[in-house]
Amino acid sequence: MEQIQHKYINTRGLKLHIAEIGSGSNVVIFLHGFPEIWYSWRHQMIAVANIGYRAIAPDLIGYGLSDQHPDLEKASFHDFVDDLLAILDSLNIPKV
């Protein structure tokens, strides 16, 4: 069985943690709630990888092993969207 791998993506001057498993061409993104981290999805990630998907679960900015927002008063949900798009671009994933 494959193991969940960990890497970091740099975007907007921040380091974001990514957990991933699987190598299929179809990708499933798992986004944690608040105050959760990628680890909440570990069982589901393994399950979808076992049926041929690539599973990715980031720690959103300010959570888990990802950097904190540099200015919390200016943080917004738009930052999560920007970071997710940057993650997909960095991993060369055109569609999820």
N, C-alpha and C. Protein backbone atom coordinates (compact mmCIF):
# COMPACT_ATOMS: atom_id res chain seq x y z
N MET A 1 0.84 -1.19 0.00
CA MET A 1 0.00 0.00 0.00
C MET A 1 0.89 1.25 0.00
N GLU A 2 0.49 2.22 -0.79
CA GLU A 2 1.21 3.49 -0.81
C GLU A 2 1.07 4.22 0.52
N GLN A 3 2.03 5.06 0.79
CA GLN A 3 2.00 5.89 1.99
C GLN A 3 1.67 7.33 1.59
N ILE A 4 1.03 8.03 2.48
CA ILE A 4 0.76 9.45 2.24
C ILE A 4 2.09 10.20 2.27
N GLN A 5 2.32 10.99 1.23
CA GLN A 5 3.54 11.78 1.10
C GLN A 5 3.26 13.23 1.50
N HIS A 6 4.30 13.91 1.93
CA HIS A 6 4.15 15.30 2.36
C HIS A 6 5.13 16.18 1.60
N LYS A 7 4.66 17.36 1.25
CA LYS A 7 5.52 18.34 0.57
C LYS A 7 5.03 19.73 0.92
N TYR A 8 5.81 20.71 0.51
CA TYR A 8 5.45 22.11 0.75
C TYR A 8 5.41 22.85 -0.58
N ILE A 9 4.46 23.76 -0.68
CA ILE A 9 4.31 24.63 -1.83
C ILE A 9 4.52 26.06 -1.33
N ASN A 10 5.30 26.84 -2.06
CA ASN A 10 5.47 28.25 -1.71
C ASN A 10 4.57 29.09 -2.59
N THR A 11 3.74 29.91 -1.95
CA THR A 11 2.85 30.80 -2.68
C THR A 11 2.63 32.06 -1.85
N ARG A 12 2.59 33.18 -2.51
CA ARG A 12 2.38 34.48 -1.85
C ARG A 12 3.36 34.69 -0.71
N GLY A 13 4.56 34.12 -0.82
CA GLY A 13 5.55 34.25 0.24
C GLY A 13 5.30 33.38 1.45
N LEU A 14 4.38 32.42 1.32
CA LEU A 14 4.03 31.54 2.43
C LEU A 14 4.32 30.09 2.05
N LYS A 15 4.59 29.28 3.06
CA LYS A 15 4.83 27.86 2.87
C LYS A 15 3.57 27.10 3.27
N LEU A 16 2.99 26.36 2.31
CA LEU A 16 1.78 25.59 2.56
C LEU A 16 2.11 24.10 2.52
N HIS A 17 1.60 23.38 3.50
CA HIS A 17 1.82 21.94 3.60
C HIS A 17 0.76 21.21 2.78
N ILE A 18 1.22 20.19 2.04
CA ILE A 18 0.34 19.37 1.21
C ILE A 18 0.58 17.90 1.55
N ALA A 19 -0.49 17.16 1.77
CA ALA A 19 -0.42 15.71 1.91
C ALA A 19 -1.04 15.11 0.66
N GLU A 20 -0.41 14.07 0.10
CA GLU A 20 -0.97 13.47 -1.10
C GLU A 20 -0.63 11.99 -1.19
N ILE A 21 -1.49 11.28 -1.89
CA ILE A 21 -1.30 9.85 -2.12
C ILE A 21 -2.00 9.51 -3.44
N GLY A 22 -1.46 8.53 -4.14
CA GLY A 22 -2.06 8.09 -5.39
C GLY A 22 -1.42 8.77 -6.58
N SER A 23 -1.61 8.14 -7.73
CA SER A 23 -0.98 8.67 -8.94
C SER A 23 -1.93 8.69 -10.13
N GLY A 24 -3.20 8.54 -9.88
CA GLY A 24 -4.16 8.54 -10.97
C GLY A 24 -4.26 9.90 -11.63
N SER A 25 -4.79 9.92 -12.84
CA SER A 25 -4.94 11.20 -13.55
C SER A 25 -6.12 12.01 -13.02
N ASN A 26 -7.06 11.34 -12.37
CA ASN A 26 -8.19 12.05 -11.74
C ASN A 26 -7.81 12.39 -10.31
N VAL A 27 -8.13 13.62 -9.92
CA VAL A 27 -7.69 14.15 -8.63
C VAL A 27 -8.89 14.49 -7.76
N VAL A 28 -8.77 14.14 -6.48
CA VAL A 28 -9.75 14.53 -5.47
C VAL A 28 -9.04 15.42 -4.46
N ILE A 29 -9.59 16.61 -4.23
CA ILE A 29 -9.04 17.54 -3.24
C ILE A 29 -9.90 17.44 -1.98
N PHE A 30 -9.24 17.26 -0.85
CA PHE A 30 -9.93 17.23 0.44
C PHE A 30 -9.58 18.50 1.20
N LEU A 31 -10.59 19.29 1.54
CA LEU A 31 -10.39 20.54 2.27
C LEU A 31 -10.95 20.39 3.68
N HIS A 32 -10.09 20.63 4.65
CA HIS A 32 -10.51 20.47 6.04
C HIS A 32 -11.39 21.63 6.50
N GLY A 33 -12.11 21.39 7.57
CA GLY A 33 -12.93 22.43 8.19
C GLY A 33 -12.12 23.20 9.23
N PHE A 34 -12.81 23.86 10.10
CA PHE A 34 -12.15 24.71 11.09
C PHE A 34 -12.56 24.26 12.48
N PRO A 35 -11.68 23.98 13.35
CA PRO A 35 -10.21 24.06 13.29
C PRO A 35 -9.57 22.70 13.04
N GLU A 36 -9.61 22.22 11.87
CA GLU A 36 -9.08 20.90 11.51
C GLU A 36 -7.77 21.05 10.74
N ILE A 37 -7.20 19.90 10.34
CA ILE A 37 -6.02 19.85 9.48
C ILE A 37 -6.20 18.72 8.47
N TRP A 38 -5.26 18.56 7.57
CA TRP A 38 -5.33 17.55 6.52
C TRP A 38 -5.60 16.16 7.08
N TYR A 39 -5.09 15.89 8.28
CA TYR A 39 -5.14 14.56 8.90
C TYR A 39 -6.56 14.04 9.06
N SER A 40 -7.51 14.94 9.11
CA SER A 40 -8.92 14.54 9.23
C SER A 40 -9.36 13.67 8.06
N TRP A 41 -8.69 13.79 6.93
CA TRP A 41 -9.08 13.10 5.70
C TRP A 41 -8.24 11.88 5.39
N ARG A 42 -7.33 11.48 6.26
CA ARG A 42 -6.36 10.43 5.94
C ARG A 42 -7.01 9.12 5.48
N HIS A 43 -8.07 8.69 6.13
CA HIS A 43 -8.71 7.42 5.75
C HIS A 43 -9.37 7.52 4.37
N GLN A 44 -10.03 8.64 4.12
CA GLN A 44 -10.68 8.84 2.82
C GLN A 44 -9.64 8.96 1.71
N MET A 45 -8.51 9.61 2.00
CA MET A 45 -7.45 9.75 1.01
C MET A 45 -6.93 8.38 0.57
N ILE A 46 -6.68 7.53 1.53
CA ILE A 46 -6.19 6.19 1.23
C ILE A 46 -7.23 5.41 0.42
N ALA A 47 -8.49 5.53 0.80
CA ALA A 47 -9.56 4.81 0.10
C ALA A 47 -9.66 5.24 -1.36
N VAL A 48 -9.64 6.54 -1.64
CA VAL A 48 -9.76 6.97 -3.05
C VAL A 48 -8.50 6.65 -3.83
N ALA A 49 -7.34 6.68 -3.18
CA ALA A 49 -6.10 6.30 -3.87
C ALA A 49 -6.13 4.82 -4.24
N ASN A 50 -6.72 4.01 -3.39
CA ASN A 50 -6.80 2.57 -3.65
C ASN A 50 -7.70 2.22 -4.84
N ILE A 51 -8.57 3.14 -5.23
CA ILE A 51 -9.41 2.88 -6.41
C ILE A 51 -8.97 3.71 -7.62
N GLY A 52 -7.74 4.24 -7.55
CA GLY A 52 -7.15 4.84 -8.74
C GLY A 52 -7.09 6.34 -8.83
N TYR A 53 -7.49 7.04 -7.78
CA TYR A 53 -7.44 8.49 -7.80
C TYR A 53 -6.18 9.01 -7.13
N ARG A 54 -5.84 10.24 -7.44
CA ARG A 54 -4.80 10.97 -6.72
C ARG A 54 -5.52 11.83 -5.69
N ALA A 55 -5.16 11.69 -4.43
CA ALA A 55 -5.81 12.43 -3.35
C ALA A 55 -4.85 13.45 -2.78
N ILE A 56 -5.34 14.68 -2.63
CA ILE A 56 -4.53 15.77 -2.11
C ILE A 56 -5.30 16.47 -1.00
N ALA A 57 -4.61 16.72 0.11
CA ALA A 57 -5.23 17.43 1.23
C ALA A 57 -4.24 18.45 1.77
N PRO A 58 -4.49 19.73 1.51
CA PRO A 58 -3.60 20.75 2.05
C PRO A 58 -3.98 21.12 3.48
N ASP A 59 -3.00 21.62 4.21
CA ASP A 59 -3.28 22.36 5.44
C ASP A 59 -3.47 23.80 4.97
N LEU A 60 -4.67 24.32 5.14
CA LEU A 60 -4.93 25.69 4.71
C LEU A 60 -4.08 26.67 5.53
N ILE A 61 -3.88 27.85 5.00
CA ILE A 61 -3.06 28.86 5.66
C ILE A 61 -3.51 29.04 7.11
N GLY A 62 -2.53 29.01 8.01
CA GLY A 62 -2.82 29.18 9.43
C GLY A 62 -3.14 27.90 10.17
N TYR A 63 -3.14 26.77 9.47
CA TYR A 63 -3.50 25.49 10.09
C TYR A 63 -2.40 24.46 9.88
N GLY A 64 -2.30 23.53 10.82
CA GLY A 64 -1.36 22.43 10.69
C GLY A 64 0.06 22.90 10.47
N LEU A 65 0.69 22.35 9.44
CA LEU A 65 2.09 22.65 9.15
C LEU A 65 2.28 23.80 8.16
N SER A 66 1.20 24.45 7.77
CA SER A 66 1.29 25.61 6.87
C SER A 66 1.59 26.87 7.68
N ASP A 67 2.19 27.85 7.00
CA ASP A 67 2.49 29.13 7.65
C ASP A 67 1.23 29.86 8.08
N GLN A 68 1.41 30.75 9.02
CA GLN A 68 0.34 31.65 9.45
C GLN A 68 0.22 32.81 8.47
N HIS A 69 -0.95 33.40 8.40
CA HIS A 69 -1.13 34.60 7.59
C HIS A 69 -0.30 35.72 8.21
N PRO A 70 0.42 36.50 7.40
CA PRO A 70 1.28 37.55 7.96
C PRO A 70 0.51 38.70 8.59
N ASP A 71 -0.74 38.90 8.22
CA ASP A 71 -1.54 39.99 8.78
C ASP A 71 -2.95 39.46 9.02
N LEU A 72 -3.18 38.93 10.20
CA LEU A 72 -4.46 38.27 10.49
C LEU A 72 -5.67 39.17 10.32
N GLU A 73 -5.50 40.46 10.52
CA GLU A 73 -6.63 41.38 10.35
C GLU A 73 -7.07 41.49 8.90
N LYS A 74 -6.18 41.17 7.98
CA LYS A 74 -6.51 41.24 6.56
C LYS A 74 -6.82 39.86 5.96
N ALA A 75 -6.76 38.82 6.76
CA ALA A 75 -7.02 37.46 6.27
C ALA A 75 -8.49 37.31 5.88
N SER A 76 -8.74 36.54 4.82
CA SER A 76 -10.11 36.31 4.39
C SER A 76 -10.21 34.94 3.72
N PHE A 77 -11.44 34.52 3.45
CA PHE A 77 -11.64 33.26 2.76
C PHE A 77 -11.11 33.32 1.33
N HIS A 78 -10.97 34.51 0.78
CA HIS A 78 -10.38 34.65 -0.56
C HIS A 78 -8.94 34.13 -0.56
N ASP A 79 -8.25 34.26 0.58
CA ASP A 79 -6.89 33.73 0.68
C ASP A 79 -6.88 32.22 0.48
N PHE A 80 -7.88 31.52 1.03
CA PHE A 80 -7.97 30.07 0.87
C PHE A 80 -8.13 29.72 -0.61
N VAL A 81 -8.97 30.46 -1.31
CA VAL A 81 -9.20 30.20 -2.73
C VAL A 81 -7.92 30.46 -3.52
N ASP A 82 -7.27 31.59 -3.26
CA ASP A 82 -6.02 31.91 -3.95
C ASP A 82 -4.97 30.82 -3.71
N ASP A 83 -4.87 30.37 -2.46
CA ASP A 83 -3.89 29.34 -2.13
C ASP A 83 -4.22 28.02 -2.82
N LEU A 84 -5.48 27.65 -2.84
CA LEU A 84 -5.88 26.41 -3.50
C LEU A 84 -5.55 26.45 -4.99
N LEU A 85 -5.83 27.57 -5.64
CA LEU A 85 -5.50 27.71 -7.06
C LEU A 85 -3.99 27.64 -7.28
N ALA A 86 -3.22 28.24 -6.37
CA ALA A 86 -1.76 28.19 -6.48
C ALA A 86 -1.25 26.76 -6.29
N ILE A 87 -1.87 26.02 -5.39
CA ILE A 87 -1.49 24.61 -5.18
C ILE A 87 -1.74 23.82 -6.46
N LEU A 88 -2.92 23.98 -7.03
CA LEU A 88 -3.25 23.25 -8.26
C LEU A 88 -2.29 23.61 -9.39
N ASP A 89 -1.98 24.90 -9.53
CA ASP A 89 -1.03 25.33 -10.56
C ASP A 89 0.35 24.72 -10.31
N SER A 90 0.79 24.75 -9.07
CA SER A 90 2.11 24.24 -8.72
C SER A 90 2.24 22.75 -9.01
N LEU A 91 1.15 22.02 -8.81
CA LEU A 91 1.15 20.58 -9.05
C LEU A 91 0.73 20.21 -10.48
N ASN A 92 0.55 21.23 -11.33
CA ASN A 92 0.14 21.02 -12.73
C ASN A 92 -1.16 20.23 -12.84
N ILE A 93 -2.13 20.62 -12.03
CA ILE A 93 -3.44 19.96 -12.04
C ILE A 93 -4.45 20.92 -12.66
N PRO A 94 -4.93 20.63 -13.88
CA PRO A 94 -5.86 21.54 -14.55
C PRO A 94 -7.31 21.38 -14.11
N LYS A 95 -7.64 20.22 -13.51
CA LYS A 95 -9.04 19.94 -13.20
C LYS A 95 -9.13 19.02 -11.99
N VAL A 96 -10.08 19.33 -11.10
CA VAL A 96 -10.34 18.45 -9.94
C VAL A 96 -11.81 18.16 -9.85
